[in-house]
Protein backbone atom coordinates (compact mmCIF):
# COMPACT_ATOMS: atom_id res chain seq x y z
CA MET A 1 14.99 -26.73 5.44
CA ALA A 2 15.87 -27.39 8.88
CA SER A 3 15.40 -31.26 10.15
CA ASP A 4 13.14 -30.14 13.17
CA THR A 5 10.31 -32.43 13.07
CA THR A 6 8.12 -29.98 14.24
CA ARG A 7 6.18 -27.81 11.90
CA PRO A 8 8.35 -24.64 10.94
CA LEU A 9 6.75 -21.37 12.21
CA VAL A 10 5.73 -18.86 9.50
CA THR A 11 4.49 -15.24 10.83
CA VAL A 12 2.31 -13.27 8.56
CA PRO A 13 1.44 -9.60 9.24
CA ASP A 14 -1.95 -10.01 11.22
CA GLU A 15 -4.69 -12.57 12.48
CA GLN A 16 -6.80 -11.82 9.28
CA TRP A 17 -4.03 -12.75 7.04
CA VAL A 18 -3.74 -16.11 9.09
CA GLU A 19 -7.35 -16.63 8.46
CA LEU A 20 -7.42 -15.74 5.24
CA ILE A 21 -4.53 -18.23 4.08
CA GLN A 22 -6.56 -20.85 6.03
CA ARG A 23 -9.44 -19.96 4.41
CA SER A 24 -8.12 -20.54 0.99
CA GLY A 25 -7.53 -24.11 1.91
CA PRO A 26 -5.31 -26.48 3.67
CA LEU A 27 -1.62 -25.39 4.16
CA ASP A 28 0.21 -28.50 5.30
CA GLY A 29 3.64 -28.53 6.58
CA VAL A 30 4.20 -25.02 8.17
CA GLU A 31 2.38 -23.41 11.35
CA LEU A 32 1.14 -20.09 10.96
CA ALA A 33 1.40 -17.10 13.63
CA ALA A 34 0.61 -13.46 13.08
CA TRP A 35 3.31 -10.89 13.50
CA ASP A 36 3.57 -7.33 12.73
CA LEU A 37 7.03 -6.62 13.62
CA HIS A 38 6.55 -3.79 16.02
CA GLU A 39 7.76 -5.62 18.94
CA PRO A 40 10.08 -8.97 19.47
CA HIS A 41 8.14 -11.87 18.93
CA PRO A 42 7.64 -14.64 21.95
CA ARG A 43 8.55 -17.29 19.99
CA ALA A 44 11.67 -15.68 18.18
CA ASP A 45 13.40 -18.97 18.35
CA GLU A 46 10.91 -20.85 16.38
CA ILE A 47 10.47 -18.86 13.54
CA ARG A 48 11.76 -19.83 10.04
CA VAL A 49 9.85 -17.70 7.43
CA VAL A 50 8.64 -14.00 8.11
CA VAL A 51 6.16 -12.43 5.64
CA PRO A 52 6.40 -8.66 6.77
CA PRO A 53 3.46 -6.17 6.82
CA TYR A 54 2.54 -4.00 3.85
CA LEU A 55 3.54 -0.48 3.73
CA ASP A 56 3.55 -0.46 7.51
CA LYS A 57 6.15 2.25 8.63
CA GLN A 58 5.68 1.19 12.46
CA GLN A 59 7.44 -2.42 11.58
CA ARG A 60 10.90 -2.86 12.75
CA PRO A 61 12.98 -5.16 10.39
CA GLU A 62 15.85 -4.89 12.73
CA LEU A 63 13.73 -7.49 14.72
CA LEU A 64 14.68 -10.09 12.14
CA ALA A 65 18.45 -10.11 13.61
CA GLU A 66 16.84 -11.68 16.93
CA LEU A 67 15.69 -14.83 14.87
CA PRO A 68 18.29 -17.51 15.32
CA HIS A 69 16.59 -20.08 12.88
CA LEU A 70 15.12 -17.56 10.28
CA GLU A 71 15.69 -18.93 6.89
CA VAL A 72 13.19 -17.07 4.39
CA VAL A 73 11.90 -13.21 4.42
CA GLN A 74 9.00 -12.97 1.90
CA LEU A 75 7.88 -9.46 1.24
CA LEU A 76 4.71 -8.22 0.01
CA THR A 77 6.50 -5.43 -2.10
CA ALA A 78 8.23 -5.68 -5.54
CA GLY A 79 10.79 -3.26 -3.72
CA TYR A 80 13.19 -4.31 -1.12
CA ASP A 81 15.58 -1.25 -0.53
CA ASN A 82 13.94 -0.62 2.82
CA VAL A 83 14.63 -3.89 4.05
CA ALA A 84 17.71 -5.39 2.41
CA THR A 85 20.25 -3.86 5.03
CA HIS A 86 18.34 -6.06 7.86
CA ILE A 87 18.69 -9.32 6.39
CA PRO A 88 20.66 -11.71 8.64
CA ALA A 89 23.47 -13.42 7.15
CA GLY A 90 22.41 -16.62 5.02
CA VAL A 91 18.81 -15.60 5.17
CA ARG A 92 17.02 -15.44 1.74
CA LEU A 93 15.01 -12.46 0.74
CA ALA A 94 12.11 -12.86 -1.79
CA ASN A 95 10.21 -10.14 -3.03
CA ALA A 96 6.46 -10.09 -4.27
CA ALA A 97 7.27 -10.56 -7.87
CA GLY A 98 4.04 -10.58 -9.82
CA VAL A 99 1.81 -8.97 -7.50
CA HIS A 100 2.00 -5.55 -8.22
CA ASP A 101 2.49 -5.87 -11.99
CA ALA A 102 -1.00 -4.90 -13.18
CA SER A 103 -1.87 -2.17 -10.93
CA THR A 104 1.44 -0.57 -10.90
CA ALA A 105 1.31 -0.48 -14.88
CA GLU A 106 -2.25 0.84 -14.72
CA LEU A 107 -1.21 3.79 -12.57
CA ALA A 108 1.93 4.59 -14.91
CA LEU A 109 -0.38 4.72 -17.80
CA THR A 110 -2.99 6.68 -15.88
CA LEU A 111 -0.41 9.39 -14.89
CA THR A 112 0.74 9.32 -18.38
CA LEU A 113 -2.61 9.79 -19.93
CA ALA A 114 -4.11 12.38 -17.03
CA ALA A 115 -0.71 14.51 -17.17
CA LEU A 116 -0.89 14.64 -21.19
CA ARG A 117 -4.32 15.26 -21.48
CA GLY A 118 -4.72 18.09 -18.78
CA ILE A 119 -6.93 16.38 -16.45
CA PRO A 120 -5.35 18.19 -13.18
CA THR A 121 -6.53 21.30 -15.11
CA PHE A 122 -10.09 20.22 -15.80
CA VAL A 123 -10.29 18.93 -12.12
CA ARG A 124 -9.42 22.49 -10.89
CA ALA A 125 -11.67 24.42 -13.40
CA GLN A 126 -14.65 21.85 -12.21
CA ASP A 127 -13.81 22.87 -8.72
CA ARG A 128 -14.21 26.55 -9.88
CA GLY A 129 -17.40 25.48 -11.91
CA GLU A 130 -15.68 26.65 -15.24
CA TRP A 131 -16.13 25.46 -18.65
CA GLN A 132 -12.58 25.50 -19.66
CA ARG A 133 -11.37 24.94 -23.19
CA THR A 134 -8.74 26.53 -23.80
CA GLN A 135 -6.24 24.85 -25.75
CA GLN A 136 -5.22 21.85 -27.72
CA TRP A 137 -3.77 19.05 -25.41
CA PRO A 138 -1.24 16.30 -26.32
CA ALA A 139 -2.15 13.10 -27.53
CA LEU A 140 -0.14 9.92 -26.30
CA ALA A 141 -1.02 8.24 -29.67
CA ASP A 142 2.02 8.58 -31.96
CA LYS A 143 4.72 9.67 -28.87
CA ARG A 144 8.16 8.04 -28.59
CA VAL A 145 8.18 6.41 -25.23
CA LEU A 146 11.44 4.98 -23.14
CA VAL A 147 10.51 2.65 -20.48
CA VAL A 148 13.60 2.63 -17.89
CA GLY A 149 13.23 -0.78 -16.23
CA TYR A 150 12.29 -3.58 -17.76
CA GLY A 151 11.64 -6.06 -15.39
CA ASN A 152 8.14 -7.81 -14.89
CA VAL A 153 6.65 -4.49 -14.03
CA GLY A 154 8.22 -2.88 -16.98
CA ARG A 155 6.74 -5.45 -19.20
CA ALA A 156 3.24 -4.92 -17.97
CA VAL A 157 3.83 -0.87 -18.26
CA VAL A 158 4.74 -1.68 -21.98
CA ARG A 159 2.14 -4.38 -22.83
CA ARG A 160 -0.41 -1.59 -21.78
CA LEU A 161 1.23 1.34 -23.68
CA LEU A 162 1.32 -0.47 -27.01
CA PRO A 163 -2.28 -0.35 -27.69
CA PHE A 164 -2.20 3.51 -27.53
CA GLU A 165 -0.29 3.67 -30.74
CA VAL A 166 2.96 4.67 -29.31
CA GLU A 167 6.61 3.82 -30.25
CA VAL A 168 8.33 2.12 -27.30
CA THR A 169 11.92 1.53 -26.54
CA ALA A 170 12.86 -0.57 -23.54
CA VAL A 171 15.92 -0.19 -20.99
CA ALA A 172 17.24 -2.31 -18.69
CA SER A 173 20.71 -2.63 -16.57
CA LYS A 174 22.17 -4.41 -19.59
CA ALA A 175 21.11 -4.61 -23.25
CA ARG A 176 19.83 -8.03 -24.29
CA ALA A 177 17.52 -9.32 -27.01
CA GLY A 178 14.10 -8.38 -27.22
CA ASP A 179 10.98 -10.46 -26.81
CA ASP A 180 7.63 -10.59 -27.90
CA LEU A 181 6.72 -6.83 -27.11
CA VAL A 182 10.13 -5.14 -28.06
CA SER A 183 12.57 -5.74 -30.84
CA GLU A 184 15.34 -4.99 -28.39
CA VAL A 185 16.22 -4.11 -25.02
CA HIS A 186 18.94 -1.42 -24.53
CA GLY A 187 21.28 -1.05 -21.79
CA ILE A 188 21.00 1.88 -19.12
CA ALA A 189 24.31 3.36 -20.37
CA GLU A 190 22.69 4.03 -23.70
CA LEU A 191 20.24 6.56 -21.89
CA PRO A 192 22.10 9.81 -22.98
CA ALA A 193 21.90 8.85 -26.35
CA LEU A 194 18.16 7.74 -25.94
CA LEU A 195 16.53 10.54 -24.02
CA PRO A 196 16.73 13.23 -26.81
CA HIS A 197 14.38 11.33 -29.07
CA HIS A 198 11.63 10.30 -26.58
CA GLU A 199 8.55 12.47 -25.34
CA VAL A 200 7.79 10.39 -22.69
CA VAL A 201 9.85 8.85 -20.03
CA VAL A 202 8.80 5.99 -17.51
CA LEU A 203 10.93 4.98 -14.72
CA ILE A 204 10.20 1.61 -13.09
CA VAL A 205 13.69 0.70 -11.82
CA PRO A 206 14.43 -1.04 -8.66
CA LEU A 207 16.51 1.32 -6.33
CA THR A 208 20.01 0.52 -6.06
CA ASP A 209 23.26 2.14 -5.87
CA ASP A 210 23.37 2.36 -9.39
CA THR A 211 20.14 3.78 -9.82
CA THR A 212 19.89 6.23 -6.81
CA GLY A 213 19.87 9.92 -8.31
CA LEU A 214 19.88 8.50 -12.00
CA VAL A 215 17.65 11.31 -13.16
CA ASP A 216 20.08 14.05 -12.29
CA GLU A 217 20.06 17.57 -14.42
CA ALA A 218 21.93 16.02 -17.14
CA PHE A 219 19.27 13.42 -17.68
CA LEU A 220 16.66 15.76 -17.43
CA ALA A 221 18.51 18.18 -19.65
CA ALA A 222 18.76 15.37 -22.21
CA MET A 223 15.12 15.16 -22.36
CA PRO A 224 13.42 17.06 -25.36
CA ASP A 225 11.42 20.41 -24.65
CA GLY A 226 7.71 19.17 -23.56
CA ALA A 227 8.79 15.86 -22.37
CA LEU A 228 6.88 13.99 -19.67
CA LEU A 229 8.89 12.23 -16.84
CA VAL A 230 6.74 9.62 -14.98
CA ASN A 231 8.21 7.89 -11.95
CA VAL A 232 6.14 4.98 -10.44
CA ALA A 233 9.64 3.65 -9.20
CA ARG A 234 11.09 5.08 -6.24
CA GLY A 235 11.57 8.71 -5.37
CA LYS A 236 15.43 8.65 -4.77
CA VAL A 237 15.80 7.33 -8.45
CA VAL A 238 15.19 11.21 -9.06
CA ASP A 239 17.22 14.21 -8.03
CA THR A 240 14.03 16.31 -6.57
CA ASP A 241 16.24 19.57 -6.48
CA ALA A 242 17.17 18.98 -10.20
CA LEU A 243 13.55 18.10 -11.05
CA VAL A 244 12.08 21.06 -9.42
CA ALA A 245 14.49 23.56 -11.44
CA ALA A 246 13.76 21.81 -14.55
CA LEU A 247 9.72 22.00 -14.01
CA THR A 248 10.12 25.72 -13.05
CA THR A 249 11.59 26.51 -16.32
CA GLY A 250 8.22 25.10 -17.64
CA ARG A 251 10.35 22.97 -20.42
CA ILE A 252 9.48 19.31 -19.21
CA THR A 253 6.56 18.11 -17.06
CA ALA A 254 6.26 15.22 -14.47
CA ALA A 255 3.92 12.64 -13.21
CA LEU A 256 4.77 11.42 -9.79
CA ASP A 257 3.76 8.29 -7.82
CA VAL A 258 7.06 8.55 -5.71
CA THR A 259 9.00 11.35 -4.23
CA ASP A 260 11.81 12.13 -2.42
CA PRO A 261 11.28 13.14 0.76
CA GLU A 262 8.38 10.62 1.32
CA PRO A 263 5.94 11.46 2.34
CA LEU A 264 6.25 15.16 0.77
CA PRO A 265 6.03 17.78 3.38
CA GLU A 266 3.46 20.25 2.60
CA ASP A 267 5.60 23.19 2.37
CA HIS A 268 7.96 21.26 -0.16
CA PRO A 269 8.58 23.28 -3.49
CA LEU A 270 7.85 20.40 -5.40
CA TRP A 271 4.00 20.44 -4.45
CA SER A 272 3.88 24.19 -6.09
CA ALA A 273 6.11 23.41 -9.20
CA PRO A 274 4.59 24.11 -12.56
CA GLY A 275 3.43 21.09 -14.57
CA VAL A 276 3.71 18.42 -12.10
CA LEU A 277 0.79 15.65 -11.24
CA ILE A 278 1.69 13.72 -7.97
CA SER A 279 -0.05 11.03 -6.24
CA PRO A 280 0.71 9.45 -2.70
CA HIS A 281 2.80 6.21 -3.69
CA VAL A 282 -0.25 4.07 -4.45
CA GLY A 283 1.16 2.16 -7.44
CA GLY A 284 0.33 -1.19 -5.64
CA ALA A 285 -2.52 -0.24 -3.73
CA SER A 286 -5.48 -1.06 -5.19
CA THR A 287 -7.86 -4.09 -4.78
CA ALA A 288 -5.76 -6.25 -7.06
CA PHE A 289 -3.44 -6.59 -4.22
CA LEU A 290 -4.58 -8.80 -1.81
CA PRO A 291 -5.83 -11.69 -3.67
CA ARG A 292 -2.81 -11.87 -5.83
CA ALA A 293 -0.70 -11.62 -2.71
CA LEU A 294 -2.42 -14.15 -0.81
CA ARG A 295 -1.83 -16.56 -4.09
CA MET A 296 1.72 -15.97 -3.89
CA VAL A 297 2.33 -16.00 -0.44
CA ARG A 298 0.32 -19.81 -0.41
CA SER A 299 2.55 -20.65 -3.39
CA GLN A 300 5.59 -19.67 -1.54
CA LEU A 301 4.70 -21.52 1.74
CA THR A 302 3.76 -24.57 -0.04
CA SER A 303 6.91 -24.58 -1.98
CA TYR A 304 8.90 -24.04 1.08
CA ALA A 305 7.27 -26.81 3.21
CA ALA A 306 7.67 -29.20 0.50
CA THR A 307 11.19 -28.33 -0.67
CA GLY A 308 12.86 -25.88 1.61
CA GLU A 309 12.84 -23.61 -1.37
CA VAL A 310 11.12 -20.33 -2.48
CA GLU A 311 10.92 -18.23 -5.68
CA HIS A 312 12.08 -14.88 -6.73
CA VAL A 313 14.98 -14.66 -4.20
CA VAL A 314 16.53 -11.23 -4.65
CA LEU A 315 19.26 -11.42 -2.36
CA THR A 316 20.82 -13.55 0.56
CA GLY A 317 22.13 -11.72 3.61
CA ARG A 318 25.62 -11.49 4.12
């Protein structure tokens, strides 16, 4: 942290955030100010830490380059692909590790169960006033589930899946030893061999150069007939054209919280593809967000004020 004798200036998304942080108790060592990143800040020369708004399409991350003394950008999201290229040299970017684990894992499980047990069909039948009981729907019980992405959120997904009496296989960027939830963690290079043996595939990887387009025609072709693809990661992890083609055959189904493009245009063929359930990127948008985000931000700012350090740094600008 710089040796300036004044308190470092920290910006948070709005005045409500300032109030909520201060209401939670004294936060010594920093000065708080509101900034939504829509326009340049009048005290740009003083800002040391920026907490950008959560899921605000109007914010302009390029304004970060105008802050000569910026040291840390603390996100309120787990993903950081939309901000990474705007981080100035030497500035640390920290993500909201832990904030969205429970909420995103809940949605992953919700989408999985809803898609398997035919909930969209029942809702449409209810709208028509029809008592529709025409087939036996797949159970989650006894399924083999492949969780692709075994970070904090991936672990939260697995923790919630296991009580449903499933067999879970975890995949990360590289193979490693297991933990209290899985006996081993497979490397992503093993996917071609793993996919044919799993009826449910849950995607929760970060969007990187390596994961962009990961789910392509070959990936989908390797999934067994009747398999379900669940995407709670990022839309660009999946090749949308390949997915629409696979869905159209009726061979697989999908449940998606994220799409490419996003928002999905109203005339996009993915809306009407058979066997797809779509939610509008709401994995982290639950009542669990604000209290957990406040605790995380206070913890990070307390650490920064005391030592200049923060946790959960995912990259440093170059």
